[in-house]
Amino acid sequence: MAIEVKEALRLPRVVLLPAHHPPHKPRQPLSEAEHRLAMASAAVARLSGFEVSDMEVRHEGPSYSLTTVREFSRAEPGVDWVFVMGADSFAEISTWHRYEELLAACDIVLLPRHGTPLAPSPPAGLRIEKEEPHCYSWTGESYRLPEGRRLYCPSLPALDISSRSIREKVRNGKCIRGLVPPEVGKYIAEHGLYLGAREEGRP
């Protein structure tokens, strides 16, 4: 999906950010942070224009998107960063840390999710205004956020693949070829990830 976004929006660069501990997913099964970082790095190692940052992994405590966006902006003030997130997460963004400030800090790109409506579903109290047909080089819709930033909804395929289903396939001894890059599949096998029930309880 990262490749689809980069090509659709003609982004010169995409930075993947594995989270150390997402505060809005306190009970979700997660691999250890170092494994997520290593798998993300393996996935894009041979892809031009992609990189992986360990900024959130290095942080102690919960990972807040607003803090990350501001740190990137301070490090590279000349870059107009765009934050990419799933449409399902946007529907729950009011539960995020200081979400109004995040929506004012950068433009947002929504990724379609299987089973989620194509039109954005903002939480109660958040007003977005659909823009007139645009002349951008990509197809889709765009909206204005309260502080003037834009919400982009490019027309991309909604892949019916989730990290949870991949973990369950590995745990049940099923093949995940085609669901993850070969390098990631190799890493999972070499490190014996997701094989035991104890994996579900990891932070």
N, C-alpha and C. Protein backbone atom coordinates (compact mmCIF):
# COMPACT_ATOMS: atom_id res chain seq x y z
N MET A 1 0.83 -1.21 0.00
CA MET A 1 0.00 0.00 0.00
C MET A 1 0.87 1.26 0.00
N ALA A 2 2.02 1.21 0.66
CA ALA A 2 2.92 2.36 0.67
C ALA A 2 3.37 2.71 -0.73
N ILE A 3 3.61 1.69 -1.55
CA ILE A 3 4.01 1.92 -2.93
C ILE A 3 2.88 2.58 -3.70
N GLU A 4 1.65 2.11 -3.48
CA GLU A 4 0.49 2.69 -4.15
C GLU A 4 0.35 4.18 -3.82
N VAL A 5 0.53 4.53 -2.57
CA VAL A 5 0.42 5.93 -2.14
C VAL A 5 1.52 6.77 -2.78
N LYS A 6 2.73 6.28 -2.75
CA LYS A 6 3.86 7.03 -3.31
C LYS A 6 3.66 7.30 -4.79
N GLU A 7 3.21 6.28 -5.52
CA GLU A 7 3.02 6.44 -6.96
C GLU A 7 1.80 7.29 -7.28
N ALA A 8 0.71 7.10 -6.55
CA ALA A 8 -0.52 7.84 -6.83
C ALA A 8 -0.34 9.34 -6.59
N LEU A 9 0.32 9.69 -5.49
CA LEU A 9 0.49 11.09 -5.13
C LEU A 9 1.82 11.67 -5.61
N ARG A 10 2.62 10.82 -6.26
CA ARG A 10 3.93 11.24 -6.77
C ARG A 10 4.79 11.84 -5.68
N LEU A 11 4.84 11.16 -4.56
CA LEU A 11 5.65 11.62 -3.44
C LEU A 11 7.12 11.28 -3.70
N PRO A 12 8.03 12.20 -3.44
CA PRO A 12 9.44 11.92 -3.67
C PRO A 12 10.03 10.97 -2.63
N ARG A 13 9.34 10.84 -1.50
CA ARG A 13 9.92 10.11 -0.37
C ARG A 13 8.82 9.66 0.58
N VAL A 14 8.96 8.45 1.09
CA VAL A 14 8.02 7.92 2.07
C VAL A 14 8.82 7.39 3.25
N VAL A 15 8.45 7.82 4.45
CA VAL A 15 9.13 7.38 5.67
C VAL A 15 8.17 6.50 6.47
N LEU A 16 8.56 5.27 6.74
CA LEU A 16 7.75 4.36 7.55
C LEU A 16 8.16 4.53 9.01
N LEU A 17 7.15 4.52 9.89
CA LEU A 17 7.39 4.79 11.31
C LEU A 17 6.78 3.70 12.19
N PRO A 18 7.51 2.63 12.44
CA PRO A 18 6.99 1.63 13.39
C PRO A 18 6.84 2.27 14.77
N ALA A 19 5.69 2.02 15.40
CA ALA A 19 5.42 2.61 16.71
C ALA A 19 5.99 1.74 17.82
N HIS A 20 6.42 2.41 18.88
CA HIS A 20 6.91 1.68 20.06
C HIS A 20 5.74 1.12 20.85
N HIS A 21 4.78 2.01 21.14
CA HIS A 21 3.59 1.57 21.88
C HIS A 21 2.46 2.52 21.57
N PRO A 22 1.62 2.21 20.56
CA PRO A 22 0.51 3.10 20.23
C PRO A 22 -0.45 3.24 21.40
N PRO A 23 -0.66 4.46 21.90
CA PRO A 23 -1.51 4.64 23.08
C PRO A 23 -2.97 4.30 22.84
N HIS A 24 -3.46 4.38 21.58
CA HIS A 24 -4.86 4.09 21.29
C HIS A 24 -5.09 2.61 21.02
N LYS A 25 -4.03 1.78 21.14
CA LYS A 25 -4.18 0.34 20.97
C LYS A 25 -3.51 -0.38 22.14
N PRO A 26 -3.97 -0.12 23.36
CA PRO A 26 -3.27 -0.66 24.53
C PRO A 26 -3.35 -2.16 24.66
N ARG A 27 -4.37 -2.79 24.08
CA ARG A 27 -4.52 -4.24 24.27
C ARG A 27 -4.38 -5.02 22.97
N GLN A 28 -3.95 -4.36 21.90
CA GLN A 28 -3.81 -5.05 20.64
C GLN A 28 -2.54 -5.88 20.63
N PRO A 29 -2.58 -7.09 20.03
CA PRO A 29 -1.37 -7.91 19.97
C PRO A 29 -0.33 -7.27 19.05
N LEU A 30 0.86 -7.07 19.56
CA LEU A 30 1.93 -6.44 18.80
C LEU A 30 3.23 -7.20 18.97
N SER A 31 4.03 -7.23 17.92
CA SER A 31 5.37 -7.76 18.06
C SER A 31 6.18 -6.76 18.85
N GLU A 32 7.32 -7.18 19.34
CA GLU A 32 8.18 -6.24 20.03
C GLU A 32 8.63 -5.17 19.04
N ALA A 33 8.92 -3.98 19.56
CA ALA A 33 9.23 -2.84 18.70
C ALA A 33 10.41 -3.11 17.78
N GLU A 34 11.43 -3.78 18.30
CA GLU A 34 12.61 -4.02 17.46
C GLU A 34 12.29 -4.94 16.29
N HIS A 35 11.36 -5.86 16.47
CA HIS A 35 10.96 -6.74 15.36
C HIS A 35 10.19 -5.94 14.31
N ARG A 36 9.30 -5.07 14.74
CA ARG A 36 8.55 -4.25 13.78
C ARG A 36 9.49 -3.37 12.98
N LEU A 37 10.48 -2.81 13.65
CA LEU A 37 11.45 -1.96 12.97
C LEU A 37 12.25 -2.77 11.95
N ALA A 38 12.70 -3.95 12.35
CA ALA A 38 13.49 -4.78 11.45
C ALA A 38 12.67 -5.25 10.25
N MET A 39 11.41 -5.60 10.48
CA MET A 39 10.57 -6.06 9.36
C MET A 39 10.26 -4.93 8.39
N ALA A 40 10.02 -3.73 8.91
CA ALA A 40 9.77 -2.59 8.04
C ALA A 40 11.01 -2.28 7.20
N SER A 41 12.18 -2.36 7.83
CA SER A 41 13.42 -2.10 7.11
C SER A 41 13.65 -3.14 6.02
N ALA A 42 13.36 -4.41 6.33
CA ALA A 42 13.52 -5.47 5.34
C ALA A 42 12.56 -5.28 4.17
N ALA A 43 11.35 -4.80 4.46
CA ALA A 43 10.33 -4.66 3.42
C ALA A 43 10.70 -3.64 2.36
N VAL A 44 11.41 -2.58 2.76
CA VAL A 44 11.71 -1.50 1.80
C VAL A 44 13.18 -1.39 1.45
N ALA A 45 13.97 -2.36 1.87
CA ALA A 45 15.43 -2.29 1.68
C ALA A 45 15.82 -2.07 0.22
N ARG A 46 15.06 -2.63 -0.70
CA ARG A 46 15.41 -2.54 -2.12
C ARG A 46 14.50 -1.59 -2.90
N LEU A 47 13.73 -0.79 -2.19
CA LEU A 47 12.81 0.13 -2.84
C LEU A 47 13.35 1.56 -2.79
N SER A 48 13.45 2.18 -3.93
CA SER A 48 13.94 3.55 -4.00
C SER A 48 12.89 4.52 -3.48
N GLY A 49 13.33 5.50 -2.70
CA GLY A 49 12.41 6.51 -2.20
C GLY A 49 11.72 6.15 -0.91
N PHE A 50 12.08 5.00 -0.33
CA PHE A 50 11.49 4.58 0.94
C PHE A 50 12.58 4.49 2.01
N GLU A 51 12.21 4.86 3.21
CA GLU A 51 13.12 4.72 4.34
C GLU A 51 12.33 4.41 5.60
N VAL A 52 13.02 3.97 6.61
CA VAL A 52 12.38 3.62 7.87
C VAL A 52 13.02 4.45 8.98
N SER A 53 12.20 5.04 9.82
CA SER A 53 12.70 5.83 10.95
C SER A 53 12.47 5.09 12.26
N ASP A 54 13.44 5.16 13.15
CA ASP A 54 13.29 4.55 14.47
C ASP A 54 12.91 5.59 15.53
N MET A 55 12.44 6.75 15.08
CA MET A 55 12.13 7.84 16.00
C MET A 55 11.16 7.41 17.09
N GLU A 56 10.05 6.76 16.72
CA GLU A 56 9.07 6.39 17.73
C GLU A 56 9.53 5.20 18.55
N VAL A 57 10.28 4.30 17.94
CA VAL A 57 10.79 3.14 18.68
C VAL A 57 11.74 3.59 19.78
N ARG A 58 12.50 4.65 19.51
CA ARG A 58 13.47 5.15 20.50
C ARG A 58 12.81 5.86 21.66
N HIS A 59 11.56 6.31 21.47
CA HIS A 59 10.87 7.03 22.53
C HIS A 59 10.48 6.08 23.66
N GLU A 60 10.60 6.56 24.87
CA GLU A 60 10.09 5.82 26.01
C GLU A 60 8.61 6.16 26.18
N GLY A 61 7.82 5.17 26.50
CA GLY A 61 6.39 5.42 26.70
C GLY A 61 5.62 5.41 25.41
N PRO A 62 4.37 5.89 25.45
CA PRO A 62 3.49 5.86 24.27
C PRO A 62 4.03 6.70 23.12
N SER A 63 3.67 6.32 21.90
CA SER A 63 4.06 7.06 20.70
C SER A 63 2.89 7.96 20.30
N TYR A 64 3.12 9.26 20.28
CA TYR A 64 2.09 10.21 19.89
C TYR A 64 2.41 10.78 18.51
N SER A 65 1.46 10.70 17.59
CA SER A 65 1.68 11.15 16.22
C SER A 65 1.99 12.64 16.16
N LEU A 66 1.34 13.44 16.99
CA LEU A 66 1.60 14.87 16.98
C LEU A 66 3.06 15.16 17.31
N THR A 67 3.59 14.48 18.32
CA THR A 67 5.00 14.67 18.70
C THR A 67 5.92 14.30 17.55
N THR A 68 5.60 13.19 16.89
CA THR A 68 6.43 12.73 15.78
C THR A 68 6.42 13.73 14.63
N VAL A 69 5.23 14.20 14.24
CA VAL A 69 5.13 15.17 13.15
C VAL A 69 5.92 16.43 13.47
N ARG A 70 5.83 16.90 14.69
CA ARG A 70 6.54 18.12 15.07
C ARG A 70 8.05 17.90 15.08
N GLU A 71 8.49 16.73 15.48
CA GLU A 71 9.92 16.44 15.47
C GLU A 71 10.46 16.37 14.05
N PHE A 72 9.69 15.78 13.15
CA PHE A 72 10.10 15.74 11.74
C PHE A 72 10.16 17.16 11.17
N SER A 73 9.19 17.99 11.52
CA SER A 73 9.16 19.36 11.01
C SER A 73 10.33 20.17 11.53
N ARG A 74 10.71 19.95 12.77
CA ARG A 74 11.86 20.66 13.32
C ARG A 74 13.16 20.19 12.66
N ALA A 75 13.25 18.89 12.40
CA ALA A 75 14.47 18.34 11.80
C ALA A 75 14.63 18.79 10.35
N GLU A 76 13.51 18.91 9.62
CA GLU A 76 13.56 19.30 8.21
C GLU A 76 12.47 20.35 7.96
N PRO A 77 12.74 21.59 8.37
CA PRO A 77 11.71 22.64 8.30
C PRO A 77 11.26 22.97 6.88
N GLY A 78 12.02 22.62 5.88
CA GLY A 78 11.64 22.93 4.51
C GLY A 78 10.72 21.92 3.88
N VAL A 79 10.41 20.85 4.59
CA VAL A 79 9.57 19.78 4.05
C VAL A 79 8.13 19.94 4.54
N ASP A 80 7.19 19.87 3.62
CA ASP A 80 5.77 19.92 3.98
C ASP A 80 5.29 18.48 4.13
N TRP A 81 5.34 17.96 5.34
CA TRP A 81 5.05 16.56 5.58
C TRP A 81 3.57 16.23 5.41
N VAL A 82 3.32 15.02 4.95
CA VAL A 82 1.96 14.50 4.81
C VAL A 82 1.86 13.25 5.67
N PHE A 83 0.82 13.17 6.49
CA PHE A 83 0.65 12.04 7.39
C PHE A 83 -0.34 11.05 6.78
N VAL A 84 0.07 9.80 6.65
CA VAL A 84 -0.78 8.77 6.03
C VAL A 84 -1.38 7.88 7.11
N MET A 85 -2.68 7.66 7.04
CA MET A 85 -3.35 6.82 8.03
C MET A 85 -4.52 6.10 7.38
N GLY A 86 -5.01 5.07 8.04
CA GLY A 86 -6.15 4.32 7.53
C GLY A 86 -7.46 5.06 7.76
N ALA A 87 -8.42 4.85 6.87
CA ALA A 87 -9.71 5.50 7.01
C ALA A 87 -10.41 5.07 8.30
N ASP A 88 -10.16 3.84 8.73
CA ASP A 88 -10.77 3.37 9.98
C ASP A 88 -10.21 4.11 11.18
N SER A 89 -8.91 4.44 11.13
CA SER A 89 -8.30 5.19 12.23
C SER A 89 -8.82 6.63 12.28
N PHE A 90 -9.05 7.21 11.09
CA PHE A 90 -9.55 8.58 11.06
C PHE A 90 -10.91 8.69 11.73
N ALA A 91 -11.72 7.65 11.60
CA ALA A 91 -13.05 7.66 12.23
C ALA A 91 -12.95 7.71 13.75
N GLU A 92 -11.79 7.31 14.28
CA GLU A 92 -11.60 7.28 15.74
C GLU A 92 -10.56 8.31 16.19
N ILE A 93 -10.24 9.26 15.33
CA ILE A 93 -9.13 10.16 15.63
C ILE A 93 -9.39 11.05 16.85
N SER A 94 -10.65 11.22 17.23
CA SER A 94 -10.95 12.02 18.42
C SER A 94 -10.40 11.38 19.69
N THR A 95 -10.02 10.10 19.62
CA THR A 95 -9.43 9.42 20.78
C THR A 95 -7.92 9.60 20.82
N TRP A 96 -7.35 10.22 19.79
CA TRP A 96 -5.91 10.41 19.72
C TRP A 96 -5.46 11.59 20.56
N HIS A 97 -4.24 11.58 20.95
CA HIS A 97 -3.64 12.64 21.76
C HIS A 97 -3.64 13.97 20.99
N ARG A 98 -4.38 14.97 21.51
CA ARG A 98 -4.41 16.32 20.95
C ARG A 98 -4.62 16.28 19.44
N TYR A 99 -5.65 15.57 19.03
CA TYR A 99 -5.86 15.32 17.60
C TYR A 99 -6.11 16.58 16.80
N GLU A 100 -6.74 17.60 17.42
CA GLU A 100 -6.99 18.84 16.67
C GLU A 100 -5.69 19.48 16.23
N GLU A 101 -4.67 19.41 17.10
CA GLU A 101 -3.37 19.99 16.76
C GLU A 101 -2.68 19.16 15.68
N LEU A 102 -2.88 17.87 15.70
CA LEU A 102 -2.31 17.02 14.65
C LEU A 102 -2.91 17.38 13.29
N LEU A 103 -4.23 17.57 13.24
CA LEU A 103 -4.89 17.90 11.98
C LEU A 103 -4.51 19.29 11.48
N ALA A 104 -4.00 20.13 12.36
CA ALA A 104 -3.55 21.46 11.97
C ALA A 104 -2.06 21.48 11.62
N ALA A 105 -1.37 20.41 11.96
CA ALA A 105 0.09 20.38 11.79
C ALA A 105 0.53 19.92 10.41
N CYS A 106 -0.32 19.15 9.71
CA CYS A 106 0.08 18.63 8.40
C CYS A 106 -1.16 18.17 7.64
N ASP A 107 -0.98 17.99 6.33
CA ASP A 107 -2.06 17.40 5.53
C ASP A 107 -2.14 15.91 5.85
N ILE A 108 -3.31 15.33 5.60
CA ILE A 108 -3.56 13.93 5.91
C ILE A 108 -3.96 13.18 4.65
N VAL A 109 -3.45 11.98 4.50
CA VAL A 109 -3.87 11.09 3.42
C VAL A 109 -4.54 9.88 4.05
N LEU A 110 -5.76 9.56 3.59
CA LEU A 110 -6.48 8.41 4.11
C LEU A 110 -6.34 7.22 3.17
N LEU A 111 -6.01 6.07 3.75
CA LEU A 111 -5.95 4.83 2.99
C LEU A 111 -7.27 4.09 3.13
N PRO A 112 -7.81 3.59 2.03
CA PRO A 112 -9.07 2.82 2.13
C PRO A 112 -8.85 1.52 2.88
N ARG A 113 -9.82 1.13 3.66
CA ARG A 113 -9.77 -0.13 4.40
C ARG A 113 -10.91 -1.01 3.93
N HIS A 114 -10.67 -2.29 3.87
CA HIS A 114 -11.71 -3.24 3.47
C HIS A 114 -12.87 -3.17 4.47
N GLY A 115 -14.08 -2.95 3.96
CA GLY A 115 -15.25 -2.86 4.82
C GLY A 115 -15.51 -1.48 5.38
N THR A 116 -14.67 -0.50 5.01
CA THR A 116 -14.85 0.87 5.48
C THR A 116 -15.36 1.73 4.33
N PRO A 117 -16.34 2.62 4.56
CA PRO A 117 -16.86 3.47 3.48
C PRO A 117 -15.75 4.28 2.81
N LEU A 118 -15.91 4.52 1.49
CA LEU A 118 -14.91 5.28 0.76
C LEU A 118 -14.84 6.72 1.23
N ALA A 119 -15.99 7.32 1.54
CA ALA A 119 -16.02 8.69 2.03
C ALA A 119 -15.50 8.74 3.46
N PRO A 120 -14.73 9.77 3.83
CA PRO A 120 -14.22 9.86 5.19
C PRO A 120 -15.33 9.96 6.22
N SER A 121 -15.12 9.36 7.36
CA SER A 121 -16.11 9.40 8.44
C SER A 121 -15.51 10.12 9.63
N PRO A 122 -15.58 11.46 9.64
CA PRO A 122 -15.00 12.20 10.76
C PRO A 122 -15.79 11.97 12.03
N PRO A 123 -15.13 12.04 13.17
CA PRO A 123 -15.85 11.88 14.44
C PRO A 123 -16.79 13.05 14.69
N ALA A 124 -17.73 12.87 15.58
CA ALA A 124 -18.69 13.93 15.90
C ALA A 124 -17.95 15.19 16.33
N GLY A 125 -18.37 16.31 15.81
CA GLY A 125 -17.76 17.58 16.19
C GLY A 125 -16.66 18.04 15.25
N LEU A 126 -16.19 17.18 14.37
CA LEU A 126 -15.14 17.56 13.43
C LEU A 126 -15.78 17.81 12.06
N ARG A 127 -15.74 19.03 11.61
CA ARG A 127 -16.36 19.40 10.34
C ARG A 127 -15.30 19.44 9.24
N ILE A 128 -15.59 18.76 8.15
CA ILE A 128 -14.71 18.82 6.98
C ILE A 128 -15.55 19.27 5.78
N GLU A 129 -14.92 20.01 4.87
CA GLU A 129 -15.64 20.53 3.71
C GLU A 129 -15.04 19.95 2.44
N LYS A 130 -15.90 19.32 1.64
CA LYS A 130 -15.44 18.74 0.39
C LYS A 130 -15.07 19.84 -0.59
N GLU A 131 -13.91 19.68 -1.23
CA GLU A 131 -13.48 20.67 -2.21
C GLU A 131 -14.08 20.37 -3.57
N GLU A 132 -14.08 21.38 -4.41
CA GLU A 132 -14.55 21.21 -5.77
C GLU A 132 -13.60 20.28 -6.51
N PRO A 133 -14.04 19.70 -7.62
CA PRO A 133 -13.14 18.83 -8.39
C PRO A 133 -11.78 19.48 -8.59
N HIS A 134 -10.74 18.73 -8.27
CA HIS A 134 -9.39 19.29 -8.27
C HIS A 134 -8.65 19.00 -9.57
N CYS A 135 -7.53 19.63 -9.71
CA CYS A 135 -6.70 19.43 -10.90
C CYS A 135 -5.41 18.71 -10.54
N TYR A 136 -5.41 17.98 -9.42
CA TYR A 136 -4.23 17.23 -9.03
C TYR A 136 -3.98 16.10 -10.03
N SER A 137 -2.80 15.53 -9.94
CA SER A 137 -2.42 14.47 -10.88
C SER A 137 -2.95 13.10 -10.47
N TRP A 138 -3.70 13.03 -9.37
CA TRP A 138 -4.23 11.75 -8.90
C TRP A 138 -5.76 11.82 -8.87
N THR A 139 -6.38 10.66 -8.86
CA THR A 139 -7.84 10.59 -8.80
C THR A 139 -8.29 10.35 -7.36
N GLY A 140 -9.42 10.92 -7.00
CA GLY A 140 -9.93 10.79 -5.65
C GLY A 140 -10.61 12.07 -5.21
N GLU A 141 -10.80 12.21 -3.91
CA GLU A 141 -11.46 13.39 -3.36
C GLU A 141 -10.53 14.10 -2.38
N SER A 142 -10.78 15.38 -2.18
CA SER A 142 -10.04 16.13 -1.18
C SER A 142 -11.00 16.99 -0.37
N TYR A 143 -10.63 17.22 0.89
CA TYR A 143 -11.48 17.96 1.82
C TYR A 143 -10.62 18.97 2.58
N ARG A 144 -11.28 20.01 3.05
CA ARG A 144 -10.62 21.00 3.89
C ARG A 144 -10.88 20.66 5.35
N LEU A 145 -9.82 20.67 6.14
CA LEU A 145 -9.93 20.46 7.58
C LEU A 145 -10.13 21.81 8.27
N PRO A 146 -10.55 21.82 9.53
CA PRO A 146 -10.89 23.08 10.21
C PRO A 146 -9.82 24.16 10.17
N GLU A 147 -8.54 23.80 10.26
CA GLU A 147 -7.48 24.81 10.31
C GLU A 147 -6.85 25.07 8.94
N GLY A 148 -7.53 24.61 7.88
CA GLY A 148 -7.05 24.91 6.54
C GLY A 148 -6.23 23.83 5.88
N ARG A 149 -5.84 22.84 6.65
CA ARG A 149 -5.10 21.73 6.07
C ARG A 149 -6.04 20.88 5.20
N ARG A 150 -5.43 20.01 4.39
CA ARG A 150 -6.23 19.18 3.49
C ARG A 150 -6.24 17.72 3.92
N LEU A 151 -7.37 17.10 3.61
CA LEU A 151 -7.55 15.67 3.82
C LEU A 151 -7.70 15.05 2.43
N TYR A 152 -6.74 14.22 2.05
CA TYR A 152 -6.74 13.61 0.73
C TYR A 152 -7.25 12.17 0.82
N CYS A 153 -8.14 11.83 -0.10
CA CYS A 153 -8.68 10.47 -0.17
C CYS A 153 -8.46 9.92 -1.58
N PRO A 154 -7.27 9.48 -1.89
CA PRO A 154 -6.99 8.99 -3.24
C PRO A 154 -7.72 7.68 -3.52
N SER A 155 -8.03 7.47 -4.79
CA SER A 155 -8.69 6.23 -5.20
C SER A 155 -7.64 5.13 -5.29
N LEU A 156 -7.60 4.30 -4.28
CA LEU A 156 -6.63 3.21 -4.21
C LEU A 156 -7.37 1.91 -3.90
N PRO A 157 -6.79 0.78 -4.24
CA PRO A 157 -7.44 -0.50 -3.91
C PRO A 157 -7.45 -0.73 -2.40
N ALA A 158 -8.55 -1.24 -1.89
CA ALA A 158 -8.65 -1.58 -0.47
C ALA A 158 -8.25 -3.04 -0.30
N LEU A 159 -7.07 -3.26 0.22
CA LEU A 159 -6.57 -4.62 0.37
C LEU A 159 -7.16 -5.28 1.62
N ASP A 160 -7.67 -6.48 1.45
CA ASP A 160 -8.25 -7.22 2.57
C ASP A 160 -7.16 -8.02 3.27
N ILE A 161 -6.19 -7.30 3.80
CA ILE A 161 -5.05 -7.91 4.50
C ILE A 161 -4.85 -7.15 5.81
N SER A 162 -4.73 -7.87 6.90
CA SER A 162 -4.47 -7.23 8.19
C SER A 162 -3.32 -7.94 8.89
N SER A 163 -2.64 -7.19 9.75
CA SER A 163 -1.54 -7.80 10.50
C SER A 163 -2.05 -8.93 11.39
N ARG A 164 -3.28 -8.78 11.88
CA ARG A 164 -3.86 -9.82 12.73
C ARG A 164 -4.04 -11.13 11.95
N SER A 165 -4.56 -11.01 10.71
CA SER A 165 -4.77 -12.23 9.92
C SER A 165 -3.45 -12.89 9.55
N ILE A 166 -2.43 -12.09 9.33
CA ILE A 166 -1.10 -12.65 9.02
C ILE A 166 -0.55 -13.39 10.23
N ARG A 167 -0.70 -12.78 11.40
CA ARG A 167 -0.21 -13.46 12.62
C ARG A 167 -0.94 -14.78 12.83
N GLU A 168 -2.25 -14.78 12.59
CA GLU A 168 -3.03 -16.00 12.79
C GLU A 168 -2.63 -17.09 11.79
N LYS A 169 -2.34 -16.70 10.56
CA LYS A 169 -1.89 -17.67 9.56
C LYS A 169 -0.57 -18.30 9.98
N VAL A 170 0.36 -17.48 10.44
CA VAL A 170 1.66 -18.01 10.89
C VAL A 170 1.46 -18.95 12.06
N ARG A 171 0.63 -18.54 13.00
CA ARG A 171 0.40 -19.34 14.20
C ARG A 171 -0.23 -20.69 13.85
N ASN A 172 -1.04 -20.70 12.78
CA ASN A 172 -1.71 -21.94 12.36
C ASN A 172 -0.94 -22.71 11.31
N GLY A 173 0.28 -22.26 11.04
CA GLY A 173 1.12 -22.97 10.09
C GLY A 173 0.73 -22.79 8.64
N LYS A 174 0.02 -21.72 8.31
CA LYS A 174 -0.41 -21.48 6.94
C LYS A 174 0.58 -20.58 6.21
N CYS A 175 0.54 -20.63 4.89
CA CYS A 175 1.46 -19.88 4.05
C CYS A 175 1.07 -18.40 4.01
N ILE A 176 2.05 -17.51 4.10
CA ILE A 176 1.78 -16.07 4.00
C ILE A 176 2.46 -15.49 2.76
N ARG A 177 2.88 -16.36 1.86
CA ARG A 177 3.50 -15.89 0.62
C ARG A 177 2.50 -15.02 -0.15
N GLY A 178 2.95 -13.86 -0.59
CA GLY A 178 2.08 -12.94 -1.31
C GLY A 178 1.40 -11.94 -0.40
N LEU A 179 1.38 -12.20 0.91
CA LEU A 179 0.78 -11.27 1.86
C LEU A 179 1.79 -10.32 2.46
N VAL A 180 3.05 -10.74 2.50
CA VAL A 180 4.14 -9.91 2.99
C VAL A 180 5.31 -10.04 2.01
N PRO A 181 6.21 -9.06 1.97
CA PRO A 181 7.39 -9.20 1.12
C PRO A 181 8.20 -10.43 1.52
N PRO A 182 8.88 -11.07 0.58
CA PRO A 182 9.66 -12.27 0.90
C PRO A 182 10.65 -12.06 2.04
N GLU A 183 11.25 -10.86 2.09
CA GLU A 183 12.23 -10.59 3.14
C GLU A 183 11.58 -10.60 4.53
N VAL A 184 10.33 -10.12 4.58
CA VAL A 184 9.61 -10.10 5.86
C VAL A 184 9.20 -11.51 6.25
N GLY A 185 8.73 -12.30 5.28
CA GLY A 185 8.39 -13.68 5.57
C GLY A 185 9.59 -14.46 6.09
N LYS A 186 10.74 -14.21 5.51
CA LYS A 186 11.96 -14.87 5.95
C LYS A 186 12.32 -14.46 7.37
N TYR A 187 12.17 -13.18 7.68
CA TYR A 187 12.48 -12.68 9.02
C TYR A 187 11.56 -13.32 10.05
N ILE A 188 10.26 -13.39 9.73
CA ILE A 188 9.30 -13.99 10.65
C ILE A 188 9.66 -15.44 10.95
N ALA A 189 10.03 -16.17 9.89
CA ALA A 189 10.38 -17.59 10.05
C ALA A 189 11.66 -17.76 10.85
N GLU A 190 12.67 -16.94 10.56
CA GLU A 190 13.96 -17.07 11.23
C GLU A 190 13.88 -16.74 12.72
N HIS A 191 12.98 -15.85 13.07
CA HIS A 191 12.87 -15.43 14.48
C HIS A 191 11.71 -16.11 15.21
N GLY A 192 11.01 -16.99 14.51
CA GLY A 192 9.93 -17.73 15.16
C GLY A 192 8.83 -16.86 15.70
N LEU A 193 8.49 -15.80 14.98
CA LEU A 193 7.46 -14.88 15.47
C LEU A 193 6.07 -15.46 15.32
N TYR A 194 5.20 -15.09 16.22
CA TYR A 194 3.75 -15.39 16.18
C TYR A 194 3.41 -16.86 16.31
N LEU A 195 4.31 -17.66 16.82
CA LEU A 195 4.05 -19.10 16.88
C LEU A 195 3.33 -19.54 18.14
N GLY A 196 3.47 -18.79 19.22
CA GLY A 196 2.87 -19.21 20.48
C GLY A 196 1.74 -18.31 20.92
N ALA A 197 0.89 -18.81 21.79
CA ALA A 197 -0.22 -18.02 22.30
C ALA A 197 0.27 -16.82 23.08
N ARG A 198 1.48 -16.90 23.63
CA ARG A 198 2.01 -15.81 24.44
C ARG A 198 2.21 -14.54 23.63
N GLU A 199 2.30 -14.71 22.28
CA GLU A 199 2.48 -13.55 21.42
C GLU A 199 1.35 -12.56 21.57
N GLU A 200 0.13 -13.07 21.84
CA GLU A 200 -1.02 -12.19 21.94
C GLU A 200 -0.93 -11.22 23.10
N GLY A 201 -0.17 -11.59 24.12
CA GLY A 201 -0.12 -10.74 25.28
C GLY A 201 1.02 -9.75 25.28
N ARG A 202 1.81 -9.72 24.21
CA ARG A 202 2.95 -8.79 24.19
C ARG A 202 2.47 -7.35 24.09
N PRO A 203 3.24 -6.42 24.65
CA PRO A 203 2.84 -5.01 24.60
C PRO A 203 3.05 -4.43 23.21
